[in-house]
Amino acid sequence: FDPNSMVIQVPSHQLGSILGKGGQRIRDLRMQSGSNISIEPKDFEPQRQLRNVTITGTYEQRQWANYLIMMAIQAADAEKAMKGGG
């Protein structure tokens, strides 16, 4: 266990809102937070509904990255709801 990292679980269907097109969103999240963000590979356990996202950095960087990830997911959920998906 690395004291400079934290693991959050994200529903598999919401990973796209973190990754973005061509990985642009996750690059932005890394840059904005100053942390390293890595997503557990799909082939690890393809049937799992939740995937581990590891955030590494200082306490502040990890908290900021976690917040940004949650905001990205909420924004994607709100956009989906407005389009009538769900």
C-alpha atoms as a PDB file:
ATOM      1  CA  PHE A   1       0.000   0.000   0.000  1.00  0.00           C
ATOM      2  CA  ASP A   2       1.313   3.399  -1.039  1.00  0.00           C
ATOM      3  CA  PRO A   3       0.395   6.167   1.445  1.00  0.00           C
ATOM      4  CA  ASN A   4       0.540   8.648  -1.446  1.00  0.00           C
ATOM      5  CA  SER A   5      -2.190   6.893  -3.403  1.00  0.00           C
ATOM      6  CA  MET A   6      -5.889   6.306  -3.033  1.00  0.00           C
ATOM      7  CA  VAL A   7      -8.235   3.993  -4.884  1.00  0.00           C
ATOM      8  CA  ILE A   8     -11.785   4.908  -5.808  1.00  0.00           C
ATOM      9  CA  GLN A   9     -14.265   2.659  -7.572  1.00  0.00           C
ATOM     10  CA  VAL A  10     -16.082   3.898 -10.636  1.00  0.00           C
ATOM     11  CA  PRO A  11     -18.920   2.116 -12.437  1.00  0.00           C
ATOM     12  CA  SER A  12     -17.555   0.660 -15.685  1.00  0.00           C
ATOM     13  CA  HIS A  13     -20.187   2.431 -17.791  1.00  0.00           C
ATOM     14  CA  GLN A  14     -18.975   5.812 -16.487  1.00  0.00           C
ATOM     15  CA  LEU A  15     -15.303   5.418 -17.352  1.00  0.00           C
ATOM     16  CA  GLY A  16     -15.822   7.225 -20.647  1.00  0.00           C
ATOM     17  CA  SER A  17     -16.651  10.427 -18.771  1.00  0.00           C
ATOM     18  CA  ILE A  18     -13.238  10.212 -17.078  1.00  0.00           C
ATOM     19  CA  LEU A  19     -11.257   9.150 -20.141  1.00  0.00           C
ATOM     20  CA  GLY A  20     -12.825  11.474 -22.720  1.00  0.00           C
ATOM     21  CA  LYS A  21     -12.296  11.267 -26.456  1.00  0.00           C
ATOM     22  CA  GLY A  22      -8.887   9.809 -27.179  1.00  0.00           C
ATOM     23  CA  GLY A  23      -7.984  10.086 -23.484  1.00  0.00           C
ATOM     24  CA  GLN A  24      -8.124  13.891 -23.521  1.00  0.00           C
ATOM     25  CA  ARG A  25     -10.258  14.211 -20.379  1.00  0.00           C
ATOM     26  CA  ILE A  26      -7.995  12.047 -18.225  1.00  0.00           C
ATOM     27  CA  ARG A  27      -4.960  14.011 -19.458  1.00  0.00           C
ATOM     28  CA  ASP A  28      -6.734  17.233 -18.410  1.00  0.00           C
ATOM     29  CA  LEU A  29      -7.628  15.748 -15.012  1.00  0.00           C
ATOM     30  CA  ARG A  30      -4.006  14.747 -14.462  1.00  0.00           C
ATOM     31  CA  MET A  31      -2.759  18.190 -15.443  1.00  0.00           C
ATOM     32  CA  GLN A  32      -5.349  20.110 -13.378  1.00  0.00           C
ATOM     33  CA  SER A  33      -4.802  18.029 -10.239  1.00  0.00           C
ATOM     34  CA  GLY A  34      -1.061  17.425 -10.587  1.00  0.00           C
ATOM     35  CA  SER A  35      -1.664  13.766  -9.737  1.00  0.00           C
ATOM     36  CA  ASN A  36      -1.255  10.532 -11.634  1.00  0.00           C
ATOM     37  CA  ILE A  37      -4.562   8.814 -12.392  1.00  0.00           C
ATOM     38  CA  SER A  38      -4.644   5.243 -13.640  1.00  0.00           C
ATOM     39  CA  ILE A  39      -7.605   3.020 -14.450  1.00  0.00           C
ATOM     40  CA  GLU A  40      -7.585  -0.705 -13.879  1.00  0.00           C
ATOM     41  CA  PRO A  41      -7.496  -2.510 -17.256  1.00  0.00           C
ATOM     42  CA  LYS A  42     -10.777  -3.961 -18.498  1.00  0.00           C
ATOM     43  CA  ASP A  43      -9.227  -7.375 -19.102  1.00  0.00           C
ATOM     44  CA  PHE A  44      -8.419  -7.668 -15.376  1.00  0.00           C
ATOM     45  CA  GLU A  45     -12.011  -8.774 -14.673  1.00  0.00           C
ATOM     46  CA  PRO A  46     -14.177  -7.830 -17.682  1.00  0.00           C
ATOM     47  CA  GLN A  47     -17.485  -8.763 -15.995  1.00  0.00           C
ATOM     48  CA  ARG A  48     -16.968  -6.450 -12.986  1.00  0.00           C
ATOM     49  CA  GLN A  49     -19.369  -3.525 -12.715  1.00  0.00           C
ATOM     50  CA  LEU A  50     -16.879  -1.366 -10.783  1.00  0.00           C
ATOM     51  CA  ARG A  51     -13.322  -0.599 -11.825  1.00  0.00           C
ATOM     52  CA  ASN A  52     -10.548   0.684  -9.584  1.00  0.00           C
ATOM     53  CA  VAL A  53      -9.152   4.118 -10.348  1.00  0.00           C
ATOM     54  CA  THR A  54      -5.859   4.830  -8.572  1.00  0.00           C
ATOM     55  CA  ILE A  55      -4.900   8.429  -7.818  1.00  0.00           C
ATOM     56  CA  THR A  56      -1.294   9.083  -6.764  1.00  0.00           C
ATOM     57  CA  GLY A  57       0.129  12.357  -5.468  1.00  0.00           C
ATOM     58  CA  THR A  58       0.109  14.561  -2.401  1.00  0.00           C
ATOM     59  CA  TYR A  59      -2.959  14.574  -0.164  1.00  0.00           C
ATOM     60  CA  GLU A  60      -4.207  17.788  -1.809  1.00  0.00           C
ATOM     61  CA  GLN A  61      -3.589  16.457  -5.329  1.00  0.00           C
ATOM     62  CA  ARG A  62      -5.499  13.259  -4.542  1.00  0.00           C
ATOM     63  CA  GLN A  63      -8.431  15.146  -3.041  1.00  0.00           C
ATOM     64  CA  TRP A  64      -8.570  17.538  -5.989  1.00  0.00           C
ATOM     65  CA  ALA A  65      -8.374  14.694  -8.534  1.00  0.00           C
ATOM     66  CA  ASN A  66     -11.113  12.783  -6.706  1.00  0.00           C
ATOM     67  CA  TYR A  67     -13.323  15.884  -6.773  1.00  0.00           C
ATOM     68  CA  LEU A  68     -12.655  16.479 -10.492  1.00  0.00           C
ATOM     69  CA  ILE A  69     -13.461  12.840 -11.308  1.00  0.00           C
ATOM     70  CA  MET A  70     -16.751  13.013  -9.381  1.00  0.00           C
ATOM     71  CA  MET A  71     -17.656  16.259 -11.161  1.00  0.00           C
ATOM     72  CA  ALA A  72     -16.900  14.696 -14.568  1.00  0.00           C
ATOM     73  CA  ILE A  73     -19.184  11.750 -13.748  1.00  0.00           C
ATOM     74  CA  GLN A  74     -21.971  14.021 -12.471  1.00  0.00           C
ATOM     75  CA  ALA A  75     -21.734  16.225 -15.559  1.00  0.00           C
ATOM     76  CA  ALA A  76     -21.969  13.174 -17.822  1.00  0.00           C
ATOM     77  CA  ASP A  77     -24.968  11.856 -15.857  1.00  0.00           C
ATOM     78  CA  ALA A  78     -26.730  15.235 -16.089  1.00  0.00           C
ATOM     79  CA  GLU A  79     -26.073  15.441 -19.837  1.00  0.00           C
ATOM     80  CA  LYS A  80     -27.397  11.908 -20.323  1.00  0.00           C
ATOM     81  CA  ALA A  81     -30.541  12.715 -18.310  1.00  0.00           C
ATOM     82  CA  MET A  82     -31.175  15.847 -20.385  1.00  0.00           C
ATOM     83  CA  LYS A  83     -30.945  13.770 -23.567  1.00  0.00           C
ATOM     84  CA  GLY A  84     -33.464  11.324 -22.128  1.00  0.00           C
ATOM     85  CA  GLY A  85     -30.989   8.482 -21.708  1.00  0.00           C
ATOM     86  CA  GLY A  86     -30.517   6.620 -18.546  1.00  0.00           C
END
